[in-house]
Protein backbone atom coordinates (compact mmCIF):
# COMPACT_ATOMS: atom_id res chain seq x y z
CA MET A 1 -4.14 18.96 22.36
CA SER A 2 -2.76 16.51 19.85
CA ALA A 3 -0.17 13.79 20.12
CA PHE A 4 1.26 15.24 16.92
CA ASN A 5 1.31 19.02 16.76
CA ALA A 6 0.76 19.17 13.00
CA ILE A 7 -2.39 17.01 12.89
CA GLY A 8 -5.29 19.11 11.73
CA ALA A 9 -3.09 21.94 10.51
CA ASP A 10 -4.63 23.72 7.52
CA ARG A 11 -1.83 24.93 5.29
CA GLU A 12 -0.38 24.48 1.85
CA VAL A 13 2.22 21.71 1.73
CA GLU A 14 5.03 21.52 -0.81
CA ARG A 15 6.29 18.27 -2.30
CA ASP A 16 9.86 19.08 -1.24
CA GLU A 17 8.86 18.97 2.43
CA TYR A 18 8.88 15.19 2.08
CA THR A 19 12.50 15.21 0.93
CA PRO A 20 14.89 14.66 3.87
CA GLY A 21 17.03 17.67 4.77
CA ILE A 22 20.14 15.56 4.41
CA GLU A 23 18.95 13.45 1.50
CA PRO A 24 20.47 9.95 1.52
CA GLN A 25 21.89 8.79 -1.78
CA ALA A 26 19.30 6.53 -3.38
CA THR A 27 20.67 3.04 -3.94
CA TRP A 28 17.95 1.98 -6.37
CA CYS A 29 19.34 1.05 -9.76
CA PRO A 30 19.09 3.56 -12.63
CA GLY A 31 15.77 3.04 -14.36
CA CYS A 32 14.13 1.39 -11.33
CA GLY A 33 10.38 1.96 -11.05
CA ASP A 34 10.69 2.64 -7.33
CA PHE A 35 11.66 6.24 -8.11
CA GLY A 36 8.20 6.64 -9.65
CA VAL A 37 6.49 5.48 -6.46
CA LEU A 38 8.49 7.93 -4.34
CA LYS A 39 7.68 10.86 -6.64
CA ALA A 40 3.98 10.00 -6.82
CA LEU A 41 3.70 9.59 -3.04
CA LYS A 42 5.34 12.95 -2.36
CA GLY A 43 3.04 14.61 -4.87
CA ALA A 44 -0.06 12.95 -3.45
CA MET A 45 0.67 14.08 0.11
CA ALA A 46 1.27 17.63 -1.11
CA ASP A 47 -2.01 17.57 -3.06
CA LEU A 48 -3.82 16.40 0.06
CA GLY A 49 -2.19 19.08 2.21
CA ARG A 50 -0.80 16.52 4.64
CA ASP A 51 2.00 17.80 6.83
CA PRO A 52 4.92 15.33 7.11
CA GLU A 53 4.20 15.07 10.85
CA GLU A 54 0.70 13.83 10.07
CA VAL A 55 2.03 10.83 8.14
CA LEU A 56 3.46 7.45 9.09
CA LEU A 57 5.12 5.32 6.41
CA VAL A 58 5.74 1.67 7.35
CA THR A 59 7.91 -0.38 5.00
CA GLY A 60 8.98 -3.99 4.74
CA ILE A 61 12.21 -5.62 3.57
CA GLY A 62 13.39 -5.38 -0.02
CA CYS A 63 14.21 -2.61 -2.47
CA SER A 64 10.81 -1.11 -1.64
CA GLY A 65 11.77 -0.97 2.04
CA LYS A 66 14.15 1.87 1.30
CA LEU A 67 11.18 4.12 0.56
CA SER A 68 11.00 5.25 4.18
CA SER A 69 14.63 6.40 4.01
CA TYR A 70 13.90 8.79 1.14
CA PHE A 71 10.51 10.03 2.39
CA ASP A 72 10.63 12.52 5.27
CA SER A 73 7.78 11.64 7.64
CA TYR A 74 7.36 9.38 10.64
CA GLY A 75 8.67 6.02 9.49
CA PHE A 76 9.09 2.44 10.60
CA HIS A 77 11.23 -0.07 8.71
CA SER A 78 9.73 -3.41 9.72
CA ILE A 79 10.87 -6.99 9.20
CA HIS A 80 10.01 -9.04 6.12
CA GLY A 81 6.28 -9.17 5.37
CA ARG A 82 5.26 -7.48 8.62
CA SER A 83 4.56 -3.87 7.66
CA LEU A 84 0.77 -4.28 7.84
CA PRO A 85 0.34 -5.38 11.49
CA ILE A 86 2.57 -2.51 12.59
CA ALA A 87 0.63 -0.05 10.43
CA ARG A 88 -2.68 -1.38 11.76
CA ALA A 89 -1.63 -0.89 15.39
CA ALA A 90 -0.45 2.65 14.73
CA LYS A 91 -3.73 3.59 13.03
CA LEU A 92 -5.84 2.11 15.82
CA ALA A 93 -3.83 3.98 18.46
CA ASN A 94 -4.06 7.29 16.59
CA PRO A 95 -6.84 7.37 13.93
CA ASP A 96 -5.91 10.95 12.97
CA LEU A 97 -2.52 9.76 11.71
CA GLU A 98 -2.33 9.14 7.95
CA VAL A 99 -0.88 5.64 7.66
CA VAL A 100 0.71 4.20 4.51
CA ALA A 101 2.31 0.76 4.33
CA ALA A 102 4.58 -0.33 1.49
CA GLY A 103 6.34 -3.49 0.40
CA GLY A 104 7.37 -5.50 -2.63
CA ASP A 105 5.52 -8.36 -4.32
CA GLY A 106 7.62 -10.91 -2.46
CA ASP A 107 7.22 -9.04 0.82
CA GLY A 108 3.49 -8.39 0.44
CA TYR A 109 2.09 -11.30 -1.58
CA GLY A 110 4.50 -13.99 -0.39
CA ILE A 111 6.02 -13.61 3.07
CA GLY A 112 3.31 -11.19 4.21
CA GLY A 113 0.41 -12.72 2.28
CA ASN A 114 -1.47 -13.76 5.41
CA HIS A 115 -1.34 -10.21 6.82
CA PHE A 116 -2.45 -8.82 3.45
CA MET A 117 -5.60 -10.96 3.34
CA HIS A 118 -6.64 -10.30 6.93
CA THR A 119 -5.92 -6.57 6.86
CA ALA A 120 -8.17 -6.36 3.80
CA ARG A 121 -10.81 -8.57 5.44
CA GLU A 122 -10.94 -6.32 8.50
CA ASN A 123 -10.94 -3.16 6.34
CA HIS A 124 -8.33 -1.23 8.31
CA ASP A 125 -8.18 2.43 7.35
CA MET A 126 -4.83 2.68 5.58
CA THR A 127 -3.22 2.62 2.16
CA TYR A 128 -1.09 -0.34 1.10
CA ILE A 129 1.28 0.13 -1.83
CA VAL A 130 2.81 -3.04 -3.27
CA PHE A 131 5.78 -2.52 -5.59
CA ASN A 132 5.15 -5.26 -8.15
CA ASN A 133 8.15 -5.96 -10.36
CA GLU A 134 7.54 -9.74 -10.64
CA ILE A 135 10.89 -10.57 -9.02
CA PHE A 136 12.82 -10.60 -5.74
CA GLY A 137 15.10 -7.66 -6.52
CA LEU A 138 17.12 -6.98 -3.37
CA THR A 139 18.22 -10.61 -3.09
CA LYS A 140 19.30 -10.54 -6.73
CA GLY A 141 16.66 -12.05 -8.96
CA GLN A 142 14.69 -14.96 -7.51
CA THR A 143 11.21 -15.91 -8.74
CA SER A 144 8.47 -14.10 -6.80
CA PRO A 145 4.73 -14.76 -6.31
CA THR A 146 3.93 -12.55 -9.33
CA SER A 147 6.55 -13.99 -11.70
CA PRO A 148 4.83 -15.52 -14.75
CA LYS A 149 4.62 -19.28 -15.22
CA GLY A 150 7.74 -20.50 -17.00
CA HIS A 151 9.87 -17.64 -15.66
CA LYS A 152 13.51 -18.76 -15.29
CA SER A 153 15.57 -17.53 -12.35
CA LYS A 154 18.19 -18.63 -9.83
CA THR A 155 15.50 -20.46 -7.85
CA GLN A 156 13.64 -21.79 -10.91
CA PRO A 157 16.38 -22.51 -13.48
CA HIS A 158 14.05 -24.66 -15.61
CA GLY A 159 11.17 -22.21 -15.41
CA SER A 160 8.54 -21.73 -12.73
CA ALA A 161 5.84 -24.40 -12.69
CA LYS A 162 3.52 -22.14 -10.66
CA SER A 163 0.93 -19.72 -11.92
CA PRO A 164 1.36 -16.19 -10.51
CA ILE A 165 -0.84 -14.81 -7.77
CA ARG A 166 -3.61 -12.42 -8.86
CA PRO A 167 -3.14 -9.42 -6.55
CA LEU A 168 -6.24 -7.44 -7.53
CA THR A 169 -8.55 -10.45 -7.26
CA THR A 170 -6.98 -11.44 -3.94
CA ALA A 171 -7.57 -7.96 -2.55
CA LEU A 172 -11.19 -7.92 -3.70
CA THR A 173 -12.10 -11.38 -2.41
CA SER A 174 -10.33 -10.68 0.89
CA GLY A 175 -12.42 -7.59 1.52
CA ALA A 176 -10.44 -4.51 0.42
CA THR A 177 -12.73 -1.55 -0.22
CA TYR A 178 -10.50 0.32 -2.70
CA VAL A 179 -8.45 -1.59 -5.28
CA ALA A 180 -6.37 -0.08 -8.07
CA ARG A 181 -3.38 -0.77 -10.30
CA THR A 182 -1.01 1.84 -11.65
CA ALA A 183 2.53 1.92 -13.01
CA ALA A 184 5.71 3.89 -12.48
CA VAL A 185 5.66 4.82 -16.17
CA ASN A 186 2.31 6.59 -15.66
CA PRO A 187 3.20 9.19 -12.98
CA ASN A 188 0.12 11.39 -13.37
CA GLN A 189 -2.31 8.49 -12.95
CA ALA A 190 -0.22 7.09 -10.09
CA GLN A 191 -0.43 10.34 -8.15
CA GLU A 192 -4.18 10.67 -8.73
CA ILE A 193 -4.81 7.10 -7.57
CA LEU A 194 -2.69 7.60 -4.46
CA VAL A 195 -4.72 10.70 -3.56
CA GLU A 196 -7.97 8.74 -3.91
CA ALA A 197 -6.61 5.77 -1.95
CA ILE A 198 -5.36 7.90 0.93
CA GLU A 199 -8.64 9.82 1.11
CA HIS A 200 -10.63 6.57 1.18
CA ASP A 201 -11.92 5.56 4.62
CA GLY A 202 -11.00 1.88 4.66
CA PHE A 203 -8.35 -0.48 3.29
CA SER A 204 -6.91 0.76 -0.01
CA HIS A 205 -4.72 -1.60 -2.01
CA ILE A 206 -2.59 -0.34 -4.90
CA ASP A 207 -0.74 -2.85 -7.07
CA PHE A 208 2.03 -0.57 -8.35
CA LEU A 209 3.87 -1.96 -11.37
CA THR A 210 7.55 -1.05 -10.96
CA GLN A 211 9.99 -2.15 -13.65
CA CYS A 212 13.25 -3.81 -12.56
CA PRO A 213 15.77 -3.29 -15.39
CA THR A 214 18.54 -5.09 -13.50
CA TRP A 215 16.98 -8.39 -12.41
CA ASN A 216 13.81 -8.73 -14.46
CA LYS A 217 14.41 -7.60 -18.01
CA ASP A 218 11.52 -9.80 -19.20
CA ALA A 219 8.97 -7.43 -17.63
CA LYS A 220 10.26 -4.52 -19.78
CA GLN A 221 8.87 -1.12 -18.76
CA TYR A 222 5.13 -2.00 -18.52
CA VAL A 223 4.45 0.05 -21.65
CA PRO A 224 2.34 0.78 -23.52
CA TYR A 225 -0.30 0.94 -20.80
CA ILE A 226 -4.05 1.46 -21.08
CA ASP A 227 -6.05 3.45 -18.53
CA VAL A 228 -9.30 1.50 -18.23
CA GLN A 229 -11.18 4.65 -17.19
CA GLN A 230 -10.06 6.44 -20.34
CA ASN A 231 -10.68 3.65 -22.85
CA ASP A 232 -14.13 2.97 -24.35
CA ASP A 233 -13.33 -0.74 -24.70
CA TYR A 234 -13.58 -1.18 -20.92
CA ASP A 235 -16.94 -0.17 -19.49
CA PHE A 236 -17.62 -1.45 -15.98
CA ASP A 237 -18.97 -0.22 -12.64
CA VAL A 238 -16.21 0.14 -10.03
CA SER A 239 -18.80 -0.04 -7.24
CA ASP A 240 -20.16 -3.41 -8.43
CA ARG A 241 -18.21 -6.42 -7.10
CA ARG A 242 -19.16 -8.69 -10.01
CA ASP A 243 -18.16 -6.11 -12.62
CA ALA A 244 -14.93 -5.43 -10.74
CA ALA A 245 -14.09 -9.14 -10.47
CA GLU A 246 -14.60 -9.70 -14.19
CA MET A 247 -12.47 -6.68 -15.07
CA MET A 248 -9.72 -7.80 -12.70
CA GLN A 249 -9.73 -11.24 -14.32
CA LYS A 250 -9.18 -9.67 -17.74
CA THR A 251 -6.52 -7.30 -16.40
CA GLU A 252 -4.48 -9.94 -14.60
CA SER A 253 -4.55 -12.31 -17.57
CA ALA A 254 -3.67 -9.55 -20.05
CA LEU A 255 -0.53 -8.48 -18.16
CA TYR A 256 1.27 -11.72 -18.99
CA GLU A 257 0.16 -11.43 -22.60
CA GLY A 258 1.83 -8.03 -22.99
CA GLU A 259 -1.19 -5.76 -22.41
CA VAL A 260 -0.89 -3.47 -19.39
CA LEU A 261 -4.26 -2.33 -18.03
CA THR A 262 -4.21 0.20 -15.19
CA GLY A 263 -6.78 2.25 -13.28
CA ARG A 264 -9.39 1.98 -10.56
CA PHE A 265 -11.06 -1.40 -10.30
CA TYR A 266 -13.17 -1.35 -7.14
CA HIS A 267 -14.44 1.25 -4.69
CA GLU A 268 -16.85 0.51 -1.83
CA ALA A 269 -17.56 3.81 -0.12
CA ASP A 270 -20.06 2.91 2.61
CA ARG A 271 -18.46 0.08 4.58
CA PRO A 272 -17.08 1.35 7.92
CA SER A 273 -13.42 0.77 8.72
CA TYR A 274 -12.32 -1.66 11.41
CA GLY A 275 -11.45 1.15 13.80
CA GLN A 276 -14.83 2.79 13.32
CA GLU A 277 -16.65 -0.48 13.94
CA LYS A 278 -14.71 -1.02 17.16
CA ARG A 279 -15.57 2.49 18.32
CA ASP A 280 -19.24 1.97 17.43
CA LEU A 281 -19.26 -1.22 19.54
CA GLY A 282 -17.75 0.64 22.48
CA GLU A 283 -14.63 -1.53 22.42
CA MET A 284 -12.37 1.42 21.64
CA PRO A 285 -12.57 4.97 23.00
CA ASP A 286 -13.47 7.89 20.78
CA GLU A 287 -10.43 9.67 22.15
CA PRO A 288 -7.27 8.31 20.46
CA LEU A 289 -5.15 6.15 22.75
CA ALA A 290 -2.09 8.04 21.53
CA GLU A 291 -3.52 11.20 23.11
CA ARG A 292 -3.98 9.67 26.56
CA TYR A 293 -0.36 8.86 27.25
CA HIS A 294 0.77 12.40 26.51
CA GLU A 295 -1.06 13.57 29.65
CA ASP A 296 1.26 13.63 32.68
CA ASP A 297 -1.51 12.80 35.16
CA TYR A 298 -3.04 9.95 33.15
CA GLU A 299 -3.38 6.66 35.02
CA TRP A 300 -2.34 3.74 32.87
CA GLU A 301 -4.97 1.07 32.37
CA ARG A 302 -4.51 -2.69 32.29
CA SER A 303 -6.68 -4.95 30.16
CA TYR A 304 -7.24 -7.10 33.28
CA ASP A 305 -8.86 -4.15 35.06
CA LEU A 306 -11.08 -3.36 32.08
CA LEU A 307 -12.19 -6.88 31.19
CA GLY A 308 -12.03 -8.73 34.51
CA PRO A 309 -10.59 -12.19 35.16
CA HIS A 310 -10.88 -14.89 32.52
CA LYS A 311 -13.46 -17.54 33.39
């Protein structure tokens, strides 16, 4: 018995199964990089053979938050910066569910920055896609945490005095076990990276460069790009933290100098996920909690009964 009938189903899945039957009209602007994320995510799930009923997509607020409206799976449109705690809870309750969280650079690195760091630190088994267009797009063009120093906007009319956040470095130092950067203009690489990230057992962070032709014309189209795995000038070990950190430093500096480096930057395969560690400690049951409450004769438990009174 499964809380979701499709979990564990072995069948070929088509990309179009992730397109809603009554497809809502996309309200992203023409040329927006968000279309690239949607296409790559549909393709990745089809490549992995995931049934739409096996997948939960949790989104935040912003242009990126509309992703769950155009992607036919279980979905939850959360409040600003709060997609990760909701995604974490869902994964802990039902580890068999494939959980993906998504948000913009303002949503994920600004308002939700605290959740980002601690979800990475705890190594929750999920994939986190951050649409990075270096701007607040939905609210019409304010400076975001990834906007370059000197960037002029409605909120920084004389130019931002702040240096941008370094998303890849932040993910690595916080504890993420898979870290990559791709771009909407590189759909084949994007789909391949999403497949790897979803398959990874632990916290996968993808900094997804998504051009915003309406509100951030300075960022252009993030082209030409260089795949660091396909270029002989960049030779580093993705399993070595020091090598990864040095490569991330180069990558994040180069972006604001007009050189777009994409690819896989770090992969730690052996560290157990948070859910697995809790199960190993005996603090979570091997049987998913989501399964229990589908049984009509199950007696609900209270934490007080399990842990005893506080002393």
